[in-house]
């Protein structure tokens, strides 16, 4: 029983309970979302034009959807 109580106490100490703690969690989540969006935009920019070129090669351009 002592060990499970100690584990529960340790887990509770790690949870952000104050508004400042919750704010920091949200900021980290927002930062991760923004970084993910930047990676997606960069990836799409690298692929720009590849689909159009492929459609031209297979003779489906300009009706390649």
N, C-alpha and C. Protein backbone atom coordinates (compact mmCIF):
# COMPACT_ATOMS: atom_id res chain seq x y z
N UNK A 1 0.82 -1.19 0.00
CA UNK A 1 0.00 0.00 0.00
C UNK A 1 0.86 1.26 0.00
N UNK A 2 1.98 1.21 0.69
CA UNK A 2 2.82 2.39 0.75
C UNK A 2 3.38 2.74 -0.62
N UNK A 3 3.74 1.72 -1.39
CA UNK A 3 4.32 1.96 -2.70
C UNK A 3 3.30 2.56 -3.66
N UNK A 4 2.06 2.06 -3.65
CA UNK A 4 1.06 2.61 -4.55
C UNK A 4 0.70 4.04 -4.16
N UNK A 5 0.70 4.35 -2.90
CA UNK A 5 0.45 5.72 -2.45
C UNK A 5 1.57 6.65 -2.88
N UNK A 6 2.78 6.15 -2.80
CA UNK A 6 3.94 6.94 -3.22
C UNK A 6 3.91 7.19 -4.72
N UNK A 7 3.52 6.19 -5.49
CA UNK A 7 3.43 6.34 -6.94
C UNK A 7 2.34 7.35 -7.30
N UNK A 8 1.20 7.27 -6.61
CA UNK A 8 0.11 8.22 -6.87
C UNK A 8 0.55 9.63 -6.53
N UNK A 9 1.28 9.79 -5.43
CA UNK A 9 1.76 11.12 -5.04
C UNK A 9 2.74 11.66 -6.07
N UNK A 10 3.63 10.81 -6.56
CA UNK A 10 4.61 11.23 -7.57
C UNK A 10 3.91 11.61 -8.87
N UNK A 11 2.91 10.84 -9.26
CA UNK A 11 2.17 11.14 -10.49
C UNK A 11 1.42 12.45 -10.36
N UNK A 12 0.82 12.69 -9.21
CA UNK A 12 0.09 13.93 -8.99
C UNK A 12 1.03 15.13 -9.01
N UNK A 13 2.24 14.95 -8.54
CA UNK A 13 3.20 16.05 -8.53
C UNK A 13 3.63 16.41 -9.94
N UNK A 14 3.58 15.45 -10.87
CA UNK A 14 4.00 15.71 -12.24
C UNK A 14 2.92 16.37 -13.08
N UNK A 15 1.69 16.28 -12.66
CA UNK A 15 0.60 16.85 -13.44
C UNK A 15 0.55 18.36 -13.25
N UNK A 16 0.39 19.12 -14.33
CA UNK A 16 0.27 20.58 -14.18
C UNK A 16 -1.11 20.92 -13.63
N UNK A 17 -1.13 21.49 -12.44
CA UNK A 17 -2.42 21.80 -11.83
C UNK A 17 -2.69 23.30 -11.80
N UNK A 18 -1.67 24.10 -11.89
CA UNK A 18 -1.89 25.54 -11.85
C UNK A 18 -2.17 26.05 -13.25
N UNK A 19 -2.72 27.23 -13.33
CA UNK A 19 -3.00 27.81 -14.64
C UNK A 19 -1.69 28.06 -15.40
N UNK A 20 -0.63 28.35 -14.67
CA UNK A 20 0.67 28.57 -15.31
C UNK A 20 1.15 27.26 -15.93
N UNK A 21 1.00 26.16 -15.20
CA UNK A 21 1.41 24.85 -15.72
C UNK A 21 0.61 24.47 -16.95
N UNK A 22 -0.69 24.69 -16.90
CA UNK A 22 -1.53 24.38 -18.05
C UNK A 22 -1.20 25.26 -19.23
N UNK A 23 -0.87 26.51 -18.96
CA UNK A 23 -0.50 27.45 -20.02
C UNK A 23 0.78 26.98 -20.72
N UNK A 24 1.74 26.50 -19.94
CA UNK A 24 2.99 26.01 -20.52
C UNK A 24 2.75 24.78 -21.39
N UNK A 25 1.85 23.90 -20.95
CA UNK A 25 1.53 22.72 -21.74
C UNK A 25 0.90 23.14 -23.06
N UNK A 26 -0.01 24.09 -23.01
CA UNK A 26 -0.66 24.57 -24.24
C UNK A 26 0.34 25.22 -25.17
N UNK A 27 1.27 25.99 -24.61
CA UNK A 27 2.28 26.65 -25.45
C UNK A 27 3.15 25.61 -26.14
N UNK A 28 3.52 24.56 -25.43
CA UNK A 28 4.34 23.51 -26.04
C UNK A 28 3.56 22.80 -27.13
N UNK A 29 2.26 22.56 -26.88
CA UNK A 29 1.41 21.91 -27.88
C UNK A 29 1.28 22.79 -29.11
N UNK A 30 1.07 24.09 -28.91
CA UNK A 30 0.96 25.02 -30.03
C UNK A 30 2.27 25.08 -30.81
N UNK A 31 3.38 25.06 -30.11
CA UNK A 31 4.69 25.10 -30.78
C UNK A 31 4.89 23.85 -31.62
N UNK A 32 4.48 22.70 -31.09
CA UNK A 32 4.62 21.45 -31.84
C UNK A 32 3.71 21.48 -33.07
N UNK A 33 2.51 22.02 -32.92
CA UNK A 33 1.59 22.11 -34.05
C UNK A 33 2.14 23.04 -35.13
N UNK A 34 2.71 24.15 -34.71
CA UNK A 34 3.28 25.09 -35.68
C UNK A 34 4.48 24.47 -36.40
N UNK A 35 5.29 23.74 -35.66
CA UNK A 35 6.45 23.08 -36.28
C UNK A 35 5.98 22.02 -37.27
N UNK A 36 4.95 21.27 -36.91
CA UNK A 36 4.39 20.27 -37.81
C UNK A 36 3.87 20.91 -39.09
N UNK A 37 3.17 22.03 -38.94
CA UNK A 37 2.65 22.74 -40.11
C UNK A 37 3.78 23.22 -41.01
N UNK A 38 4.84 23.72 -40.42
CA UNK A 38 5.99 24.18 -41.22
C UNK A 38 6.60 23.02 -42.01
N UNK A 39 6.69 21.84 -41.38
CA UNK A 39 7.24 20.68 -42.09
C UNK A 39 6.32 20.26 -43.23
N UNK A 40 5.02 20.32 -43.02
CA UNK A 40 4.07 19.95 -44.06
C UNK A 40 4.16 20.91 -45.25
N UNK A 41 4.27 22.19 -44.97
CA UNK A 41 4.37 23.20 -46.03
C UNK A 41 5.66 22.98 -46.81
N UNK A 42 6.76 22.73 -46.10
CA UNK A 42 8.03 22.50 -46.78
C UNK A 42 7.97 21.27 -47.67
N UNK A 43 7.32 20.21 -47.19
CA UNK A 43 7.19 18.99 -47.98
C UNK A 43 6.34 19.23 -49.23
N UNK A 44 5.23 19.95 -49.08
CA UNK A 44 4.39 20.26 -50.23
C UNK A 44 5.13 21.12 -51.24
N UNK A 45 5.95 22.05 -50.76
CA UNK A 45 6.73 22.89 -51.67
C UNK A 45 7.75 22.06 -52.45
N UNK A 46 8.31 21.02 -51.82
CA UNK A 46 9.25 20.15 -52.53
C UNK A 46 8.54 19.37 -53.63
N UNK A 47 7.29 19.02 -53.40
CA UNK A 47 6.54 18.23 -54.38
C UNK A 47 5.86 19.09 -55.44
N UNK A 48 5.92 20.39 -55.29
CA UNK A 48 5.25 21.29 -56.22
C UNK A 48 5.66 21.00 -57.66
N UNK A 49 4.70 20.80 -58.48
CA UNK A 49 4.97 20.58 -59.89
C UNK A 49 5.19 19.13 -60.27
N UNK A 50 5.48 18.26 -59.32
CA UNK A 50 5.75 16.86 -59.63
C UNK A 50 4.50 16.21 -60.19
N UNK A 51 3.34 16.48 -59.60
CA UNK A 51 2.10 15.86 -60.07
C UNK A 51 1.77 16.30 -61.49
N UNK A 52 1.96 17.58 -61.75
CA UNK A 52 1.68 18.11 -63.09
C UNK A 52 2.60 17.48 -64.13
N UNK A 53 3.88 17.35 -63.79
CA UNK A 53 4.83 16.71 -64.71
C UNK A 53 4.45 15.26 -64.97
N UNK A 54 4.01 14.55 -63.92
CA UNK A 54 3.61 13.16 -64.08
C UNK A 54 2.40 13.06 -65.01
N UNK A 55 1.43 13.95 -64.85
CA UNK A 55 0.24 13.94 -65.71
C UNK A 55 0.62 14.18 -67.17
N UNK A 56 1.58 15.07 -67.39
CA UNK A 56 2.03 15.34 -68.75
C UNK A 56 2.71 14.10 -69.34
N UNK A 57 3.49 13.40 -68.53
CA UNK A 57 4.20 12.22 -69.01
C UNK A 57 3.24 11.09 -69.41
N UNK A 58 2.13 10.96 -68.67
CA UNK A 58 1.19 9.88 -68.99
C UNK A 58 0.10 10.33 -69.94
N UNK A 59 0.13 11.59 -70.38
CA UNK A 59 -0.81 12.11 -71.34
C UNK A 59 -2.17 12.47 -70.78
N UNK A 60 -2.25 12.67 -69.48
CA UNK A 60 -3.53 13.00 -68.86
C UNK A 60 -3.70 14.51 -68.63
N UNK A 61 -2.66 15.27 -68.88
CA UNK A 61 -2.71 16.73 -68.65
C UNK A 61 -3.57 17.39 -69.72
N UNK A 62 -4.43 18.31 -69.43
CA UNK A 62 -4.66 19.05 -68.19
C UNK A 62 -5.79 18.46 -67.34
N UNK A 63 -6.34 17.33 -67.74
CA UNK A 63 -7.46 16.76 -66.98
C UNK A 63 -6.99 15.65 -66.06
N UNK A 64 -6.04 15.96 -65.22
CA UNK A 64 -5.53 14.94 -64.28
C UNK A 64 -5.96 15.29 -62.87
N UNK A 65 -7.01 14.65 -62.44
CA UNK A 65 -7.49 14.89 -61.07
C UNK A 65 -7.49 13.63 -60.27
